């Protein structure tokens, strides 16, 4: 017969794994959005600044 302690431990490990995976996904998405926003700002600055000769 399985110990209730092991079942709780397995469930806790699964919850922690999902939390860490979700956190990594969120940070990856946030970094991607920030990088894209910075590139758009650079592009806009290049487009709006007067050209030097």
C-alpha atoms as a PDB file:
ATOM      1  CA  UNK A   1       0.000   0.000   0.000  1.00  0.00           C
ATOM      2  CA  UNK A   2       1.254   3.478  -0.910  1.00  0.00           C
ATOM      3  CA  UNK A   3       2.046   5.896   1.858  1.00  0.00           C
ATOM      4  CA  UNK A   4      -0.096   9.091   1.882  1.00  0.00           C
ATOM      5  CA  UNK A   5       3.089  11.059   2.484  1.00  0.00           C
ATOM      6  CA  UNK A   6       4.534   9.927  -0.860  1.00  0.00           C
ATOM      7  CA  UNK A   7       1.341  10.890  -2.672  1.00  0.00           C
ATOM      8  CA  UNK A   8       1.392  14.367  -1.144  1.00  0.00           C
ATOM      9  CA  UNK A   9       5.081  14.703  -1.975  1.00  0.00           C
ATOM     10  CA  UNK A  10       4.462  13.689  -5.611  1.00  0.00           C
ATOM     11  CA  UNK A  11       1.589  16.165  -5.906  1.00  0.00           C
ATOM     12  CA  UNK A  12       3.719  18.931  -4.415  1.00  0.00           C
ATOM     13  CA  UNK A  13       6.547  18.123  -6.843  1.00  0.00           C
ATOM     14  CA  UNK A  14       4.097  18.325  -9.778  1.00  0.00           C
ATOM     15  CA  UNK A  15       2.709  21.679  -8.597  1.00  0.00           C
ATOM     16  CA  UNK A  16       6.207  23.100  -8.154  1.00  0.00           C
ATOM     17  CA  UNK A  17       7.236  21.828 -11.593  1.00  0.00           C
ATOM     18  CA  UNK A  18       4.225  23.526 -13.174  1.00  0.00           C
ATOM     19  CA  UNK A  19       4.912  26.775 -11.280  1.00  0.00           C
ATOM     20  CA  UNK A  20       8.561  26.865 -12.375  1.00  0.00           C
ATOM     21  CA  UNK A  21       7.638  26.027 -15.975  1.00  0.00           C
ATOM     22  CA  UNK A  22       5.017  28.774 -15.992  1.00  0.00           C
ATOM     23  CA  UNK A  23       7.505  31.252 -14.542  1.00  0.00           C
ATOM     24  CA  UNK A  24      10.110  30.453 -17.172  1.00  0.00           C
ATOM     25  CA  UNK A  25       7.475  30.810 -19.883  1.00  0.00           C
ATOM     26  CA  UNK A  26       6.356  34.166 -18.507  1.00  0.00           C
ATOM     27  CA  UNK A  27       9.923  35.506 -18.302  1.00  0.00           C
ATOM     28  CA  UNK A  28      10.650  34.322 -21.841  1.00  0.00           C
ATOM     29  CA  UNK A  29       7.520  36.044 -23.156  1.00  0.00           C
ATOM     30  CA  UNK A  30       8.293  39.257 -21.244  1.00  0.00           C
ATOM     31  CA  UNK A  31      11.871  39.318 -22.591  1.00  0.00           C
ATOM     32  CA  UNK A  32      10.613  38.733 -26.144  1.00  0.00           C
ATOM     33  CA  UNK A  33       8.083  41.600 -25.821  1.00  0.00           C
ATOM     34  CA  UNK A  34      10.697  43.972 -24.359  1.00  0.00           C
ATOM     35  CA  UNK A  35      13.250  43.131 -27.052  1.00  0.00           C
ATOM     36  CA  UNK A  36      10.632  43.680 -29.754  1.00  0.00           C
ATOM     37  CA  UNK A  37       9.580  47.013 -28.215  1.00  0.00           C
ATOM     38  CA  UNK A  38      13.207  48.201 -28.011  1.00  0.00           C
ATOM     39  CA  UNK A  39      13.814  47.268 -31.662  1.00  0.00           C
ATOM     40  CA  UNK A  40      10.657  49.136 -32.698  1.00  0.00           C
ATOM     41  CA  UNK A  41      11.797  52.222 -30.753  1.00  0.00           C
ATOM     42  CA  UNK A  42      15.234  52.098 -32.413  1.00  0.00           C
ATOM     43  CA  UNK A  43      13.594  51.783 -35.829  1.00  0.00           C
ATOM     44  CA  UNK A  44      11.303  54.732 -35.081  1.00  0.00           C
ATOM     45  CA  UNK A  45      14.235  56.876 -33.880  1.00  0.00           C
ATOM     46  CA  UNK A  46      16.204  56.112 -37.036  1.00  0.00           C
ATOM     47  CA  UNK A  47      13.189  56.959 -39.177  1.00  0.00           C
ATOM     48  CA  UNK A  48      12.419  60.276 -37.421  1.00  0.00           C
ATOM     49  CA  UNK A  49      15.961  61.616 -36.907  1.00  0.00           C
ATOM     50  CA  UNK A  50      17.333  63.970 -39.576  1.00  0.00           C
ATOM     51  CA  UNK A  51      19.975  62.491 -41.816  1.00  0.00           C
ATOM     52  CA  UNK A  52      23.493  63.828 -41.409  1.00  0.00           C
ATOM     53  CA  UNK A  53      25.885  64.302 -44.285  1.00  0.00           C
END
